[in-house]
């Protein structure tokens, strides 16, 4: 198995375990204040309905989402839009999410001339996020949500596939969603295409095609650059 595939498998497993822990902790906190509803089972959707609900569609434009910022102030995501925007969904228990933060800090500085913005959406317990930020600087706007954070991810047609990054043009139209750890070449290519859209040199549709093709090529090159585990020393 190529090293990249093994790493991806490890990320998926660790992400699933982290998400399960998040859900368990949330359930534990709810049981302290909320009594079980006797009609909960009756209100649960049938399997077919659940399957249909699970299949979300990626929206064409930025969803109408409001989450609390670091100070607890309700903040509409749209208030940060109207410019080239990247929305990064993450959690403290997600290793690739944590690895992305220095890159996002760097890109935000580099893209100031473009009037671009990056906003993080932490789908996690507020206390865990604030504790994490005491040791790890995050130099861009941050919104925090627990169950409402999960609902925000679902509004983008995504589930617990953290991290994922949404690139949005100045007209609040979604260019692309990168699922998994974001790399610098991908971020720069997407922001350059957002600039092309703003300048009128590319339509959004042409930019979407360019991004999809480029992301595939970048992923192939990264996979090819990873030596097979069987060829590593001592194997």
C-alpha atoms as a PDB file:
ATOM      1  CA  UNK A   1       0.000   0.000   0.000  1.00  0.00           C
ATOM      2  CA  UNK A   2       1.463   3.405  -0.946  1.00  0.00           C
ATOM      3  CA  UNK A   3       2.384   5.532   2.020  1.00  0.00           C
ATOM      4  CA  UNK A   4      -0.132   8.199   0.961  1.00  0.00           C
ATOM      5  CA  UNK A   5      -2.985   5.666   1.097  1.00  0.00           C
ATOM      6  CA  UNK A   6      -1.905   4.405   4.508  1.00  0.00           C
ATOM      7  CA  UNK A   7      -1.677   7.966   5.799  1.00  0.00           C
ATOM      8  CA  UNK A   8      -5.148   8.687   4.443  1.00  0.00           C
ATOM      9  CA  UNK A   9      -6.504   5.594   6.185  1.00  0.00           C
ATOM     10  CA  UNK A  10      -4.929   6.645   9.469  1.00  0.00           C
ATOM     11  CA  UNK A  11      -6.415  10.132   9.104  1.00  0.00           C
ATOM     12  CA  UNK A  12      -9.883   8.695   8.463  1.00  0.00           C
ATOM     13  CA  UNK A  13      -9.685   6.380  11.463  1.00  0.00           C
ATOM     14  CA  UNK A  14      -8.342   9.045  13.811  1.00  0.00           C
ATOM     15  CA  UNK A  15     -10.906  11.529  12.525  1.00  0.00           C
ATOM     16  CA  UNK A  16     -13.725   9.062  13.088  1.00  0.00           C
ATOM     17  CA  UNK A  17     -12.519   8.352  16.614  1.00  0.00           C
ATOM     18  CA  UNK A  18     -12.200  12.057  17.361  1.00  0.00           C
ATOM     19  CA  UNK A  19     -15.646  12.772  15.986  1.00  0.00           C
ATOM     20  CA  UNK A  20     -17.103   9.892  17.997  1.00  0.00           C
ATOM     21  CA  UNK A  21     -15.506  11.316  21.126  1.00  0.00           C
ATOM     22  CA  UNK A  22     -16.913  14.751  20.329  1.00  0.00           C
ATOM     23  CA  UNK A  23     -20.405  13.300  19.860  1.00  0.00           C
ATOM     24  CA  UNK A  24     -20.102  11.218  23.052  1.00  0.00           C
ATOM     25  CA  UNK A  25     -18.981  14.208  25.099  1.00  0.00           C
ATOM     26  CA  UNK A  26     -21.814  16.270  23.681  1.00  0.00           C
ATOM     27  CA  UNK A  27     -24.307  13.539  24.518  1.00  0.00           C
ATOM     28  CA  UNK A  28     -22.932  13.320  28.051  1.00  0.00           C
ATOM     29  CA  UNK A  29     -23.324  17.065  28.553  1.00  0.00           C
ATOM     30  CA  UNK A  30     -26.865  16.963  27.205  1.00  0.00           C
ATOM     31  CA  UNK A  31     -27.929  14.233  29.624  1.00  0.00           C
ATOM     32  CA  UNK A  32     -27.141  16.544  32.510  1.00  0.00           C
ATOM     33  CA  UNK A  33     -29.794  19.053  31.454  1.00  0.00           C
ATOM     34  CA  UNK A  34     -32.141  17.433  28.955  1.00  0.00           C
ATOM     35  CA  UNK A  35     -34.472  14.573  29.815  1.00  0.00           C
ATOM     36  CA  UNK A  36     -34.985  11.923  27.115  1.00  0.00           C
ATOM     37  CA  UNK A  37     -38.073  12.535  25.040  1.00  0.00           C
ATOM     38  CA  UNK A  38     -40.602   9.660  25.049  1.00  0.00           C
ATOM     39  CA  UNK A  39     -41.521  10.529  21.472  1.00  0.00           C
ATOM     40  CA  UNK A  40     -37.927  10.561  20.181  1.00  0.00           C
ATOM     41  CA  UNK A  41     -38.154   7.062  18.723  1.00  0.00           C
ATOM     42  CA  UNK A  42     -41.442   7.833  17.017  1.00  0.00           C
ATOM     43  CA  UNK A  43     -40.032  11.030  15.554  1.00  0.00           C
ATOM     44  CA  UNK A  44     -36.921   9.334  14.163  1.00  0.00           C
ATOM     45  CA  UNK A  45     -36.914   9.087  10.352  1.00  0.00           C
ATOM     46  CA  UNK A  46     -37.352   5.747   8.647  1.00  0.00           C
ATOM     47  CA  UNK A  47     -34.166   4.191   7.159  1.00  0.00           C
ATOM     48  CA  UNK A  48     -35.103   5.289   3.638  1.00  0.00           C
ATOM     49  CA  UNK A  49     -35.749   8.823   4.835  1.00  0.00           C
ATOM     50  CA  UNK A  50     -32.464   8.831   6.739  1.00  0.00           C
ATOM     51  CA  UNK A  51     -30.571   7.750   3.629  1.00  0.00           C
ATOM     52  CA  UNK A  52     -32.177  10.528   1.620  1.00  0.00           C
ATOM     53  CA  UNK A  53     -31.375  13.072   4.306  1.00  0.00           C
ATOM     54  CA  UNK A  54     -27.757  11.924   4.459  1.00  0.00           C
ATOM     55  CA  UNK A  55     -27.231  12.661   0.768  1.00  0.00           C
ATOM     56  CA  UNK A  56     -26.651  16.393   0.820  1.00  0.00           C
ATOM     57  CA  UNK A  57     -25.995  18.541  -2.208  1.00  0.00           C
ATOM     58  CA  UNK A  58     -23.201  21.098  -2.317  1.00  0.00           C
ATOM     59  CA  UNK A  59     -24.913  24.491  -2.613  1.00  0.00           C
ATOM     60  CA  UNK A  60     -24.233  26.925  -5.415  1.00  0.00           C
ATOM     61  CA  UNK A  61     -23.807  29.899  -3.096  1.00  0.00           C
ATOM     62  CA  UNK A  62     -22.651  30.557   0.455  1.00  0.00           C
ATOM     63  CA  UNK A  63     -25.282  29.186   2.878  1.00  0.00           C
ATOM     64  CA  UNK A  64     -26.960  31.500   5.377  1.00  0.00           C
ATOM     65  CA  UNK A  65     -25.097  30.452   8.536  1.00  0.00           C
ATOM     66  CA  UNK A  66     -24.628  32.218  11.860  1.00  0.00           C
ATOM     67  CA  UNK A  67     -22.217  30.942  14.503  1.00  0.00           C
ATOM     68  CA  UNK A  68     -20.593  32.451  17.586  1.00  0.00           C
ATOM     69  CA  UNK A  69     -17.147  34.006  17.319  1.00  0.00           C
ATOM     70  CA  UNK A  70     -14.374  33.573  19.916  1.00  0.00           C
ATOM     71  CA  UNK A  71     -16.097  36.103  22.180  1.00  0.00           C
ATOM     72  CA  UNK A  72     -19.471  34.384  21.901  1.00  0.00           C
ATOM     73  CA  UNK A  73     -20.960  37.000  19.562  1.00  0.00           C
ATOM     74  CA  UNK A  74     -23.333  35.578  16.913  1.00  0.00           C
ATOM     75  CA  UNK A  75     -21.687  36.263  13.554  1.00  0.00           C
ATOM     76  CA  UNK A  76     -23.268  35.625  10.144  1.00  0.00           C
ATOM     77  CA  UNK A  77     -20.802  33.972   7.793  1.00  0.00           C
ATOM     78  CA  UNK A  78     -22.081  36.315   5.084  1.00  0.00           C
ATOM     79  CA  UNK A  79     -20.652  39.275   7.023  1.00  0.00           C
ATOM     80  CA  UNK A  80     -17.175  38.028   6.088  1.00  0.00           C
ATOM     81  CA  UNK A  81     -18.054  37.516   2.423  1.00  0.00           C
ATOM     82  CA  UNK A  82     -18.228  39.920  -0.514  1.00  0.00           C
ATOM     83  CA  UNK A  83     -14.554  39.222  -1.264  1.00  0.00           C
ATOM     84  CA  UNK A  84     -12.470  36.172  -2.207  1.00  0.00           C
ATOM     85  CA  UNK A  85     -13.103  33.914   0.780  1.00  0.00           C
ATOM     86  CA  UNK A  86     -11.949  30.574   2.083  1.00  0.00           C
ATOM     87  CA  UNK A  87     -13.985  28.856   4.819  1.00  0.00           C
ATOM     88  CA  UNK A  88     -12.015  26.167   6.618  1.00  0.00           C
ATOM     89  CA  UNK A  89     -13.916  23.602   8.718  1.00  0.00           C
ATOM     90  CA  UNK A  90     -11.781  21.934  11.384  1.00  0.00           C
ATOM     91  CA  UNK A  91     -11.670  20.486  14.893  1.00  0.00           C
ATOM     92  CA  UNK A  92      -9.050  20.333  17.624  1.00  0.00           C
ATOM     93  CA  UNK A  93      -9.041  16.516  17.581  1.00  0.00           C
ATOM     94  CA  UNK A  94      -8.238  16.415  13.837  1.00  0.00           C
ATOM     95  CA  UNK A  95      -4.485  16.106  13.139  1.00  0.00           C
ATOM     96  CA  UNK A  96      -4.515  17.365   9.512  1.00  0.00           C
ATOM     97  CA  UNK A  97      -6.704  20.261  10.652  1.00  0.00           C
ATOM     98  CA  UNK A  98      -4.035  21.294  13.138  1.00  0.00           C
ATOM     99  CA  UNK A  99      -1.305  20.977  10.510  1.00  0.00           C
ATOM    100  CA  UNK A 100      -3.157  23.382   8.214  1.00  0.00           C
ATOM    101  CA  UNK A 101      -3.224  26.303  10.650  1.00  0.00           C
ATOM    102  CA  UNK A 102       0.310  27.668  10.045  1.00  0.00           C
ATOM    103  CA  UNK A 103      -0.324  27.505   6.292  1.00  0.00           C
ATOM    104  CA  UNK A 104      -3.607  29.379   6.608  1.00  0.00           C
ATOM    105  CA  UNK A 105      -1.925  32.052   8.744  1.00  0.00           C
ATOM    106  CA  UNK A 106       0.712  32.429   6.021  1.00  0.00           C
ATOM    107  CA  UNK A 107      -1.748  32.547   3.117  1.00  0.00           C
ATOM    108  CA  UNK A 108      -3.909  35.166   4.784  1.00  0.00           C
ATOM    109  CA  UNK A 109      -0.930  37.522   4.985  1.00  0.00           C
ATOM    110  CA  UNK A 110       0.101  36.788   1.410  1.00  0.00           C
ATOM    111  CA  UNK A 111      -3.395  37.422   0.041  1.00  0.00           C
ATOM    112  CA  UNK A 112      -4.043  40.793   1.682  1.00  0.00           C
ATOM    113  CA  UNK A 113      -3.419  42.619  -1.612  1.00  0.00           C
ATOM    114  CA  UNK A 114      -6.215  40.540  -3.133  1.00  0.00           C
ATOM    115  CA  UNK A 115      -8.556  41.612  -0.303  1.00  0.00           C
ATOM    116  CA  UNK A 116      -9.035  37.924   0.384  1.00  0.00           C
ATOM    117  CA  UNK A 117     -10.147  36.519   3.716  1.00  0.00           C
ATOM    118  CA  UNK A 118      -9.916  33.201   5.503  1.00  0.00           C
ATOM    119  CA  UNK A 119     -12.365  32.195   8.207  1.00  0.00           C
ATOM    120  CA  UNK A 120     -12.114  29.097  10.350  1.00  0.00           C
ATOM    121  CA  UNK A 121     -15.151  27.168  11.552  1.00  0.00           C
ATOM    122  CA  UNK A 122     -14.279  24.981  14.537  1.00  0.00           C
ATOM    123  CA  UNK A 123     -16.776  22.147  14.970  1.00  0.00           C
ATOM    124  CA  UNK A 124     -15.865  21.359  18.543  1.00  0.00           C
ATOM    125  CA  UNK A 125     -16.520  22.262  22.159  1.00  0.00           C
ATOM    126  CA  UNK A 126     -15.925  25.964  22.766  1.00  0.00           C
ATOM    127  CA  UNK A 127     -13.813  25.321  25.857  1.00  0.00           C
ATOM    128  CA  UNK A 128     -11.584  22.899  23.934  1.00  0.00           C
ATOM    129  CA  UNK A 129     -11.145  25.364  21.081  1.00  0.00           C
ATOM    130  CA  UNK A 130     -10.277  28.284  23.370  1.00  0.00           C
ATOM    131  CA  UNK A 131      -7.807  26.119  25.283  1.00  0.00           C
ATOM    132  CA  UNK A 132      -6.218  25.026  21.998  1.00  0.00           C
ATOM    133  CA  UNK A 133      -5.867  28.647  20.846  1.00  0.00           C
ATOM    134  CA  UNK A 134      -3.840  29.482  23.956  1.00  0.00           C
ATOM    135  CA  UNK A 135      -0.985  27.414  22.531  1.00  0.00           C
ATOM    136  CA  UNK A 136      -1.605  27.669  18.787  1.00  0.00           C
ATOM    137  CA  UNK A 137      -1.988  31.127  17.210  1.00  0.00           C
ATOM    138  CA  UNK A 138      -4.769  31.458  14.682  1.00  0.00           C
ATOM    139  CA  UNK A 139      -4.532  34.796  12.902  1.00  0.00           C
ATOM    140  CA  UNK A 140      -7.832  34.867  11.027  1.00  0.00           C
ATOM    141  CA  UNK A 141     -11.498  35.134  12.034  1.00  0.00           C
ATOM    142  CA  UNK A 142     -12.873  32.099  13.837  1.00  0.00           C
ATOM    143  CA  UNK A 143     -16.406  30.868  14.379  1.00  0.00           C
ATOM    144  CA  UNK A 144     -17.171  28.047  16.809  1.00  0.00           C
ATOM    145  CA  UNK A 145     -20.061  25.613  16.814  1.00  0.00           C
ATOM    146  CA  UNK A 146     -20.993  22.329  18.424  1.00  0.00           C
ATOM    147  CA  UNK A 147     -24.257  20.886  17.070  1.00  0.00           C
ATOM    148  CA  UNK A 148     -24.797  24.101  15.117  1.00  0.00           C
ATOM    149  CA  UNK A 149     -21.291  23.647  13.730  1.00  0.00           C
ATOM    150  CA  UNK A 150     -22.257  20.211  12.431  1.00  0.00           C
ATOM    151  CA  UNK A 151     -25.385  21.745  10.919  1.00  0.00           C
ATOM    152  CA  UNK A 152     -23.182  24.359   9.224  1.00  0.00           C
ATOM    153  CA  UNK A 153     -21.006  21.618   7.708  1.00  0.00           C
ATOM    154  CA  UNK A 154     -24.124  19.839   6.477  1.00  0.00           C
ATOM    155  CA  UNK A 155     -25.349  23.078   4.910  1.00  0.00           C
ATOM    156  CA  UNK A 156     -22.310  22.876   2.648  1.00  0.00           C
ATOM    157  CA  UNK A 157     -23.268  19.333   1.671  1.00  0.00           C
ATOM    158  CA  UNK A 158     -20.523  17.931   3.880  1.00  0.00           C
ATOM    159  CA  UNK A 159     -20.476  15.798   6.984  1.00  0.00           C
ATOM    160  CA  UNK A 160     -17.600  15.025   9.321  1.00  0.00           C
ATOM    161  CA  UNK A 161     -14.973  15.022   6.542  1.00  0.00           C
ATOM    162  CA  UNK A 162     -12.698  17.396   8.416  1.00  0.00           C
ATOM    163  CA  UNK A 163     -10.830  19.310   7.363  1.00  0.00           C
ATOM    164  CA  UNK A 164     -12.526  20.733   4.317  1.00  0.00           C
ATOM    165  CA  UNK A 165     -12.029  24.142   2.740  1.00  0.00           C
ATOM    166  CA  UNK A 166     -14.612  26.074   0.739  1.00  0.00           C
ATOM    167  CA  UNK A 167     -13.476  28.698  -1.774  1.00  0.00           C
ATOM    168  CA  UNK A 168     -16.071  31.410  -2.433  1.00  0.00           C
ATOM    169  CA  UNK A 169     -15.930  34.271  -4.945  1.00  0.00           C
ATOM    170  CA  UNK A 170     -16.831  37.906  -4.283  1.00  0.00           C
ATOM    171  CA  UNK A 171     -20.428  37.238  -5.353  1.00  0.00           C
ATOM    172  CA  UNK A 172     -20.753  34.551  -2.661  1.00  0.00           C
ATOM    173  CA  UNK A 173     -20.695  31.754  -5.255  1.00  0.00           C
ATOM    174  CA  UNK A 174     -18.863  28.567  -4.343  1.00  0.00           C
ATOM    175  CA  UNK A 175     -15.899  27.838  -6.602  1.00  0.00           C
ATOM    176  CA  UNK A 176     -14.829  24.515  -5.115  1.00  0.00           C
ATOM    177  CA  UNK A 177     -14.587  22.491  -1.907  1.00  0.00           C
ATOM    178  CA  UNK A 178     -11.298  20.792  -1.091  1.00  0.00           C
ATOM    179  CA  UNK A 179     -11.853  17.795   1.187  1.00  0.00           C
ATOM    180  CA  UNK A 180      -8.862  16.762   3.264  1.00  0.00           C
ATOM    181  CA  UNK A 181      -5.685  18.571   4.217  1.00  0.00           C
ATOM    182  CA  UNK A 182      -5.133  21.676   2.107  1.00  0.00           C
ATOM    183  CA  UNK A 183      -1.753  22.157   0.456  1.00  0.00           C
ATOM    184  CA  UNK A 184      -0.125  25.451  -0.429  1.00  0.00           C
ATOM    185  CA  UNK A 185      -0.186  24.888  -4.191  1.00  0.00           C
ATOM    186  CA  UNK A 186      -3.911  24.108  -4.051  1.00  0.00           C
ATOM    187  CA  UNK A 187      -4.727  27.179  -1.959  1.00  0.00           C
ATOM    188  CA  UNK A 188      -2.736  29.495  -4.204  1.00  0.00           C
ATOM    189  CA  UNK A 189      -4.242  28.065  -7.376  1.00  0.00           C
ATOM    190  CA  UNK A 190      -7.788  28.459  -6.038  1.00  0.00           C
ATOM    191  CA  UNK A 191      -7.195  32.031  -4.828  1.00  0.00           C
ATOM    192  CA  UNK A 192      -5.640  32.908  -8.207  1.00  0.00           C
ATOM    193  CA  UNK A 193      -8.756  31.637  -9.962  1.00  0.00           C
ATOM    194  CA  UNK A 194     -10.943  33.700  -7.611  1.00  0.00           C
ATOM    195  CA  UNK A 195      -8.866  36.693  -8.688  1.00  0.00           C
ATOM    196  CA  UNK A 196      -9.450  35.776 -12.345  1.00  0.00           C
ATOM    197  CA  UNK A 197     -13.183  35.699 -11.703  1.00  0.00           C
ATOM    198  CA  UNK A 198     -13.069  39.122 -10.075  1.00  0.00           C
ATOM    199  CA  UNK A 199     -10.996  40.500 -12.961  1.00  0.00           C
ATOM    200  CA  UNK A 200     -13.403  39.074 -15.519  1.00  0.00           C
ATOM    201  CA  UNK A 201     -10.730  36.978 -17.225  1.00  0.00           C
ATOM    202  CA  UNK A 202     -12.496  33.724 -16.333  1.00  0.00           C
ATOM    203  CA  UNK A 203     -16.099  32.748 -15.797  1.00  0.00           C
ATOM    204  CA  UNK A 204     -16.823  30.837 -12.625  1.00  0.00           C
ATOM    205  CA  UNK A 205     -17.557  27.733 -14.694  1.00  0.00           C
ATOM    206  CA  UNK A 206     -14.189  27.932 -16.465  1.00  0.00           C
ATOM    207  CA  UNK A 207     -12.450  28.543 -13.144  1.00  0.00           C
ATOM    208  CA  UNK A 208     -14.191  25.509 -11.622  1.00  0.00           C
ATOM    209  CA  UNK A 209     -12.953  23.313 -14.467  1.00  0.00           C
ATOM    210  CA  UNK A 210      -9.427  24.664 -14.125  1.00  0.00           C
ATOM    211  CA  UNK A 211      -9.406  24.062 -10.369  1.00  0.00           C
ATOM    212  CA  UNK A 212     -10.773  20.526 -10.673  1.00  0.00           C
ATOM    213  CA  UNK A 213      -8.151  19.598 -13.295  1.00  0.00           C
ATOM    214  CA  UNK A 214      -5.298  21.215 -11.372  1.00  0.00           C
ATOM    215  CA  UNK A 215      -6.267  19.612  -8.042  1.00  0.00           C
ATOM    216  CA  UNK A 216      -6.326  16.174  -9.679  1.00  0.00           C
ATOM    217  CA  UNK A 217      -2.886  16.699 -11.206  1.00  0.00           C
ATOM    218  CA  UNK A 218      -1.472  17.966  -7.905  1.00  0.00           C
ATOM    219  CA  UNK A 219      -2.875  14.950  -6.049  1.00  0.00           C
ATOM    220  CA  UNK A 220      -1.349  12.551  -8.579  1.00  0.00           C
ATOM    221  CA  UNK A 221       2.053  14.228  -8.330  1.00  0.00           C
ATOM    222  CA  UNK A 222       1.969  14.065  -4.526  1.00  0.00           C
ATOM    223  CA  UNK A 223       1.026  10.384  -4.625  1.00  0.00           C
ATOM    224  CA  UNK A 224       3.806   9.625  -7.113  1.00  0.00           C
ATOM    225  CA  UNK A 225       6.314  11.481  -4.968  1.00  0.00           C
ATOM    226  CA  UNK A 226       5.497   9.243  -1.989  1.00  0.00           C
ATOM    227  CA  UNK A 227       7.749   6.138  -2.074  1.00  0.00           C
ATOM    228  CA  UNK A 228       6.007   2.837  -1.586  1.00  0.00           C
ATOM    229  CA  UNK A 229       6.358   1.477   1.936  1.00  0.00           C
ATOM    230  CA  UNK A 230       7.821  -1.699   0.526  1.00  0.00           C
ATOM    231  CA  UNK A 231      10.672   0.258  -1.017  1.00  0.00           C
ATOM    232  CA  UNK A 232      11.549   2.118   2.163  1.00  0.00           C
ATOM    233  CA  UNK A 233      14.783   1.188   3.991  1.00  0.00           C
ATOM    234  CA  UNK A 234      14.547  -1.937   6.091  1.00  0.00           C
ATOM    235  CA  UNK A 235      11.496  -3.265   4.226  1.00  0.00           C
END
